[in-house]
Protein backbone atom coordinates (compact mmCIF):
# COMPACT_ATOMS: atom_id res chain seq x y z
CA MET A 1 56.26 4.79 -73.41
CA SER A 2 59.40 6.66 -72.34
CA LEU A 3 60.42 7.25 -68.74
CA PHE A 4 60.33 10.95 -69.58
CA ASP A 5 56.60 10.83 -70.38
CA HIS A 6 56.02 10.90 -66.61
CA LYS A 7 56.09 13.97 -64.39
CA ILE A 8 58.24 12.82 -61.44
CA ILE A 9 61.13 10.33 -61.29
CA VAL A 10 62.28 9.19 -57.84
CA VAL A 11 65.83 7.76 -57.76
CA THR A 12 66.73 5.74 -54.68
CA GLY A 13 69.15 3.08 -53.45
CA LYS A 14 71.68 2.35 -50.72
CA GLY A 15 73.90 5.25 -49.67
CA GLY A 16 77.04 5.53 -51.77
CA VAL A 17 75.78 3.65 -54.84
CA GLY A 18 75.71 6.72 -57.11
CA LYS A 19 72.12 7.98 -56.92
CA THR A 20 73.18 11.58 -57.56
CA THR A 21 75.22 10.49 -60.59
CA VAL A 22 72.20 8.69 -62.04
CA CYS A 23 69.97 11.72 -61.36
CA ALA A 24 72.42 13.98 -63.18
CA ALA A 25 72.71 11.59 -66.15
CA LEU A 26 68.92 11.31 -66.44
CA GLY A 27 68.59 15.08 -66.11
CA LEU A 28 71.05 15.74 -68.94
CA LEU A 29 69.28 13.19 -71.13
CA ALA A 30 65.87 14.76 -70.49
CA ALA A 31 67.21 18.27 -71.11
CA GLU A 32 68.78 17.06 -74.36
CA ARG A 33 65.31 15.99 -75.44
CA GLY A 34 64.00 19.49 -74.87
CA LEU A 35 62.38 18.96 -71.46
CA ARG A 36 62.74 21.69 -68.84
CA THR A 37 64.09 19.53 -66.04
CA LEU A 38 64.64 20.06 -62.32
CA ILE A 39 66.71 17.75 -60.11
CA THR A 40 65.86 18.10 -56.42
CA GLU A 41 68.41 17.19 -53.75
CA THR A 42 66.85 16.48 -50.35
CA SER A 43 67.86 17.17 -46.74
CA GLY A 44 69.99 20.13 -47.79
CA ALA A 45 72.41 18.17 -50.02
CA ARG A 46 74.20 20.42 -52.53
CA ILE A 47 76.36 18.10 -54.61
CA LEU A 48 75.26 18.87 -58.16
CA PRO A 49 76.29 22.54 -58.45
CA GLY A 50 79.91 21.59 -57.69
CA ILE A 51 79.96 18.88 -60.38
CA PHE A 52 78.73 21.38 -62.98
CA GLY A 53 81.15 24.09 -61.88
CA THR A 54 78.61 26.44 -60.34
CA ARG A 55 77.57 27.46 -56.82
CA SER A 56 74.49 26.58 -54.80
CA ARG A 57 71.95 29.33 -54.12
CA GLY A 58 70.41 27.55 -51.15
CA TYR A 59 66.66 27.23 -51.44
CA LEU A 60 66.61 28.62 -54.99
CA PRO A 61 66.98 26.82 -58.35
CA VAL A 62 70.46 26.80 -59.90
CA ALA A 63 71.08 26.39 -63.64
CA LEU A 64 73.36 23.43 -64.44
CA ALA A 65 73.01 23.21 -68.23
CA PRO A 66 70.53 24.37 -70.89
CA ARG A 67 67.02 23.39 -69.68
CA LEU A 68 68.48 21.72 -66.56
CA GLU A 69 68.30 23.13 -63.01
CA THR A 70 68.76 21.83 -59.49
CA LEU A 71 67.18 22.77 -56.16
CA SER A 72 68.41 21.83 -52.68
CA ILE A 73 65.42 21.23 -50.37
CA THR A 74 65.77 21.49 -46.60
CA PRO A 75 62.98 20.46 -44.21
CA LEU A 76 62.84 23.80 -42.36
CA GLU A 77 62.69 25.89 -45.54
CA ALA A 78 60.05 23.55 -46.97
CA ILE A 79 57.98 23.95 -43.78
CA GLU A 80 58.33 27.73 -44.01
CA ASP A 81 57.35 27.59 -47.68
CA TYR A 82 54.24 25.53 -46.92
CA VAL A 83 53.07 27.58 -43.92
CA ILE A 84 53.50 30.91 -45.73
CA GLN A 85 51.47 29.55 -48.66
CA GLN A 86 48.69 28.78 -46.16
CA ILE A 87 48.69 31.91 -43.97
CA LYS A 88 50.00 34.32 -46.67
CA VAL A 89 51.82 36.49 -44.09
CA ARG A 90 55.57 35.99 -43.60
CA LYS A 91 55.70 38.17 -40.48
CA LEU A 92 53.11 35.94 -38.80
CA TYR A 93 55.18 32.87 -39.67
CA GLU A 94 58.29 34.43 -38.14
CA LEU A 95 56.38 35.38 -35.01
CA VAL A 96 54.72 31.99 -34.45
CA PHE A 97 57.20 29.48 -35.84
CA ARG A 98 60.66 30.93 -35.27
CA ASN A 99 60.98 30.13 -31.59
CA ARG A 100 62.52 27.28 -29.64
CA VAL A 101 59.25 25.76 -28.43
CA MET A 102 57.71 25.56 -31.90
CA SER A 103 60.97 24.26 -33.42
CA THR A 104 61.04 21.45 -30.86
CA PHE A 105 57.40 20.61 -31.63
CA ILE A 106 58.01 20.58 -35.40
CA ASP A 107 61.01 18.27 -34.99
CA ALA A 108 58.88 15.88 -32.91
CA VAL A 109 56.05 15.43 -35.45
CA PRO A 110 56.68 12.02 -37.10
CA GLY A 111 57.08 12.20 -40.85
CA LEU A 112 56.68 15.98 -41.10
CA HIS A 113 60.16 16.70 -42.45
CA ASP A 114 59.80 14.08 -45.19
CA ALA A 115 56.23 15.12 -46.03
CA VAL A 116 57.07 18.80 -46.52
CA GLN A 117 60.12 17.98 -48.67
CA LEU A 118 58.03 15.71 -50.89
CA GLY A 119 55.37 18.42 -50.88
CA LYS A 120 57.94 20.85 -52.28
CA VAL A 121 58.81 18.32 -54.99
CA TRP A 122 55.11 18.06 -55.88
CA ASP A 123 54.81 21.84 -55.88
CA CYS A 124 57.69 22.11 -58.37
CA ALA A 125 56.23 19.37 -60.57
CA VAL A 126 52.56 20.39 -60.53
CA GLN A 127 51.91 23.87 -59.16
CA MET A 128 54.76 26.20 -60.11
CA ARG A 129 54.36 28.21 -63.32
CA GLY A 130 56.81 30.09 -65.49
CA PRO A 131 56.30 33.60 -66.91
CA ASP A 132 54.40 32.10 -69.88
CA GLY A 133 51.85 30.45 -67.58
CA ARG A 134 53.07 26.96 -68.44
CA PRO A 135 54.49 24.58 -65.81
CA ARG A 136 57.95 25.84 -64.92
CA TRP A 137 59.40 22.33 -65.32
CA ASP A 138 58.29 19.46 -67.56
CA LEU A 139 60.04 16.87 -65.40
CA VAL A 140 61.23 16.71 -61.78
CA ILE A 141 63.86 14.14 -60.79
CA VAL A 142 64.18 13.44 -57.06
CA ASP A 143 67.55 12.46 -55.59
CA ALA A 144 65.83 10.62 -52.74
CA PRO A 145 67.43 9.64 -49.42
CA ALA A 146 69.08 6.24 -49.05
CA THR A 147 67.00 3.06 -49.19
CA GLY A 148 64.99 2.89 -45.94
CA HIS A 149 64.67 6.66 -45.55
CA GLY A 150 63.72 6.97 -49.22
CA LEU A 151 60.81 4.58 -48.71
CA THR A 152 59.76 6.46 -45.55
CA MET A 153 59.72 9.71 -47.54
CA LEU A 154 57.45 8.18 -50.20
CA GLN A 155 55.07 7.04 -47.47
CA ALA A 156 55.19 10.34 -45.54
CA PRO A 157 52.16 12.05 -47.14
CA ARG A 158 49.96 9.08 -46.23
CA SER A 159 51.38 9.08 -42.70
CA MET A 160 50.52 12.78 -42.34
CA MET A 161 47.00 12.12 -43.62
CA GLU A 162 46.53 9.47 -40.94
CA LEU A 163 47.91 11.86 -38.32
CA THR A 164 45.84 14.93 -39.26
CA ARG A 165 42.58 13.26 -40.44
CA ALA A 166 41.19 16.56 -41.77
CA GLY A 167 42.04 20.17 -42.51
CA PRO A 168 44.51 21.97 -44.83
CA MET A 169 47.45 19.68 -43.98
CA TYR A 170 45.34 16.60 -44.74
CA LYS A 171 44.15 18.01 -48.08
CA ALA A 172 47.65 19.10 -49.12
CA ASN A 173 49.13 15.68 -48.37
CA ALA A 174 46.23 13.90 -50.09
CA LYS A 175 47.09 15.74 -53.33
CA VAL A 176 50.77 14.84 -53.00
CA ASP A 177 50.03 11.20 -52.17
CA ARG A 178 47.66 10.88 -55.12
CA ASP A 179 50.33 11.91 -57.65
CA ILE A 180 53.34 10.33 -55.92
CA SER A 181 51.49 6.97 -55.78
CA ASP A 182 50.23 7.10 -59.39
CA PRO A 183 52.34 4.98 -61.81
CA ALA A 184 51.17 7.20 -64.66
CA ARG A 185 52.63 10.29 -62.94
CA THR A 186 55.57 9.06 -60.85
CA ARG A 187 58.17 6.39 -61.60
CA ILE A 188 60.87 4.91 -59.37
CA VAL A 189 64.42 4.08 -60.53
CA LEU A 190 66.60 1.93 -58.27
CA VAL A 191 70.40 2.21 -58.14
CA SER A 192 72.74 -0.53 -56.93
CA LEU A 193 76.36 -1.66 -57.11
CA PRO A 194 77.69 -5.11 -58.07
CA GLU A 195 78.50 -5.83 -54.42
CA GLU A 196 76.84 -8.05 -51.82
CA MET A 197 75.35 -5.42 -49.47
CA PRO A 198 73.95 -3.05 -52.13
CA VAL A 199 72.34 -5.96 -54.01
CA ALA A 200 70.83 -7.35 -50.80
CA GLU A 201 69.48 -3.90 -49.81
CA THR A 202 68.02 -3.35 -53.29
CA LEU A 203 66.17 -6.67 -53.15
CA ASP A 204 64.96 -5.88 -49.63
CA LEU A 205 63.71 -2.45 -50.76
CA HIS A 206 61.81 -4.13 -53.58
CA ARG A 207 60.04 -6.38 -51.08
CA ARG A 208 59.18 -3.41 -48.86
CA LEU A 209 57.83 -1.28 -51.72
CA GLY A 210 54.70 -3.44 -51.87
CA ASP A 211 52.09 -1.86 -54.17
CA ARG A 212 54.63 0.72 -55.32
CA CYS A 213 56.45 -1.99 -57.29
CA SER A 214 54.07 -1.08 -60.13
CA GLN A 215 55.93 2.27 -60.27
CA LEU A 216 59.36 0.70 -60.81
CA SER A 217 60.91 1.41 -64.22
CA PHE A 218 64.38 -0.14 -64.07
CA CYS A 219 67.44 -0.67 -61.89
CA VAL A 220 70.83 0.88 -62.64
CA LEU A 221 73.83 -1.32 -61.79
CA ASN A 222 76.53 1.29 -61.31
CA GLU A 223 80.34 1.05 -61.49
CA VAL A 224 80.45 -2.08 -63.65
CA HIS A 225 83.98 -3.06 -64.70
CA PRO A 226 84.57 -3.97 -68.37
CA ARG A 227 84.66 -7.60 -69.40
CA PRO A 228 88.10 -8.98 -70.44
CA THR A 229 88.53 -9.99 -74.07
CA ILE A 230 89.53 -13.48 -72.89
CA THR A 231 86.86 -15.84 -71.54
CA GLY A 232 87.10 -17.58 -68.19
CA GLU A 233 87.65 -20.92 -69.91
CA GLU A 234 90.44 -19.51 -72.08
CA TRP A 235 92.09 -17.98 -69.02
CA SER A 236 91.93 -21.29 -67.17
CA ARG A 237 93.86 -22.94 -70.01
CA ALA A 238 96.42 -20.13 -70.40
CA ARG A 239 97.06 -19.51 -66.72
CA PRO A 240 99.20 -22.60 -65.88
CA ALA A 241 101.56 -21.92 -68.80
CA LEU A 242 102.12 -18.34 -67.64
CA ARG A 243 103.20 -19.56 -64.20
CA GLN A 244 106.09 -21.60 -65.68
CA PRO A 245 108.85 -20.59 -65.15
CA ARG A 246 108.08 -18.52 -62.04
CA ASP A 247 108.60 -14.81 -62.58
CA PRO A 248 107.49 -12.15 -60.03
CA ALA A 249 106.40 -9.73 -62.77
CA ILE A 250 104.29 -12.39 -64.51
CA ASP A 251 102.90 -13.56 -61.14
CA GLU A 252 101.69 -10.00 -60.53
CA VAL A 253 99.96 -9.88 -63.92
CA VAL A 254 98.36 -13.29 -63.31
CA GLY A 255 97.10 -12.11 -59.91
CA PHE A 256 95.61 -9.00 -61.50
CA VAL A 257 93.77 -11.00 -64.17
CA ASP A 258 92.54 -13.46 -61.51
CA ARG A 259 91.01 -10.59 -59.54
CA TRP A 260 89.52 -9.11 -62.71
CA MET A 261 87.94 -12.45 -63.64
CA ASP A 262 86.55 -12.84 -60.11
CA ARG A 263 85.12 -9.31 -60.24
CA VAL A 264 83.39 -9.93 -63.58
CA ALA A 265 81.97 -13.25 -62.36
CA PHE A 266 80.55 -11.53 -59.26
CA GLN A 267 79.11 -8.72 -61.42
CA ASP A 268 77.35 -11.30 -63.60
CA ASP A 269 75.93 -13.00 -60.52
CA ALA A 270 74.79 -9.66 -59.00
CA ARG A 271 73.08 -8.65 -62.25
CA GLU A 272 71.28 -11.98 -62.50
CA ARG A 273 70.15 -11.82 -58.85
CA LEU A 274 68.70 -8.35 -59.45
CA ARG A 275 66.96 -9.39 -62.67
CA ARG A 276 65.37 -12.42 -61.03
CA GLY A 277 64.44 -10.63 -57.81
CA LEU A 278 63.20 -7.33 -59.23
CA GLU A 279 61.63 -8.54 -62.49
CA ILE A 280 62.49 -5.21 -64.15
CA PRO A 281 65.29 -4.31 -66.60
CA VAL A 282 68.78 -3.91 -65.13
CA VAL A 283 71.07 -1.52 -67.02
CA ASP A 284 74.85 -1.27 -66.49
CA LEU A 285 76.77 1.96 -66.04
CA PRO A 286 80.55 1.61 -66.46
CA TYR A 287 83.09 2.13 -63.71
CA LEU A 288 85.00 5.40 -64.19
CA VAL A 289 88.65 5.26 -63.16
CA HIS A 290 88.89 8.90 -62.01
CA ARG A 291 86.67 9.79 -59.07
CA ALA A 292 85.92 13.47 -59.74
CA LEU A 293 82.92 13.46 -62.09
CA THR A 294 82.69 16.05 -64.85
CA PRO A 295 79.70 17.06 -67.01
CA ALA A 296 81.39 15.23 -69.91
CA ASP A 297 81.46 12.02 -67.83
CA LEU A 298 77.77 12.44 -67.04
CA GLU A 299 76.89 12.92 -70.71
CA SER A 300 78.76 9.72 -71.53
CA LEU A 301 76.95 7.81 -68.77
CA ALA A 302 73.61 9.26 -69.89
CA HIS A 303 73.88 7.65 -73.30
CA HIS A 304 74.24 4.21 -71.72
CA LEU A 305 70.73 4.75 -70.32
CA VAL A 306 69.05 5.71 -73.61
CA PRO A 307 67.61 2.33 -74.72
CA THR A 308 66.25 1.53 -71.24
CA VAL A 309 64.81 5.03 -70.72
CA GLU A 310 62.97 4.88 -74.04
CA ALA A 311 61.39 1.54 -73.13
CA ALA A 312 60.55 2.33 -69.48
């Protein structure tokens, strides 16, 4: 079964590990396979339009590539969206909700911001229809918040159910929780870096996921440096000869190769720790020398994911 046979893919990991990059690569891959795909950025993030050379339209979908769109979700717009769906009258929403007292109350409700954002994701994945009456998108990829917040967001519908106990809000969150918690509908992809803190946070997130571990598909190890053509043992034998006679230029080269070897050894250790601790496939994405990503870079990265995606 392919990862793309599911309806929602949640991508999460420590901040700065490349979650948005992985979302974009998966989105391009899904669109290539003919799936109408939406990538949702949460908490008002608007990174993807810039990468694809277009502009954000706020709380409206933006086309990135054929069959690929993105939507930036903000908590306040998601709350407005939900309330208007319930009461059907925008003027009434503006009268009741757009005042300082109500805004303060909304901000104080625990889990509400996360629940309504995830509710919008569910709406895009399940409820929204195109002009032909079919679901507007075949697949929704969620660029979730960083590790701890990402887990809190996944748990938010259940938290709101416990808070409300009954009524429209309870029923709406029960529907979202049912699909977000179903391994047949929603899968989770973890993203990490071959560094101590990201690996430790990824393993900690795995422990905290609890029953949701059944929804894990694979972990992406991002920014992996290429392996030298010489082995560590061969370098150990060659290294002393290169240091005789002493030459500053050669010393610099030796130092560079030493650091490269150390980096590769740490990468191997990080990958093995993740494989043992997560018990799911770990797939490498290569380190890109230039920092400004382009759509061509993302297409290249996407094809590194193909074998793992097909087996997820």
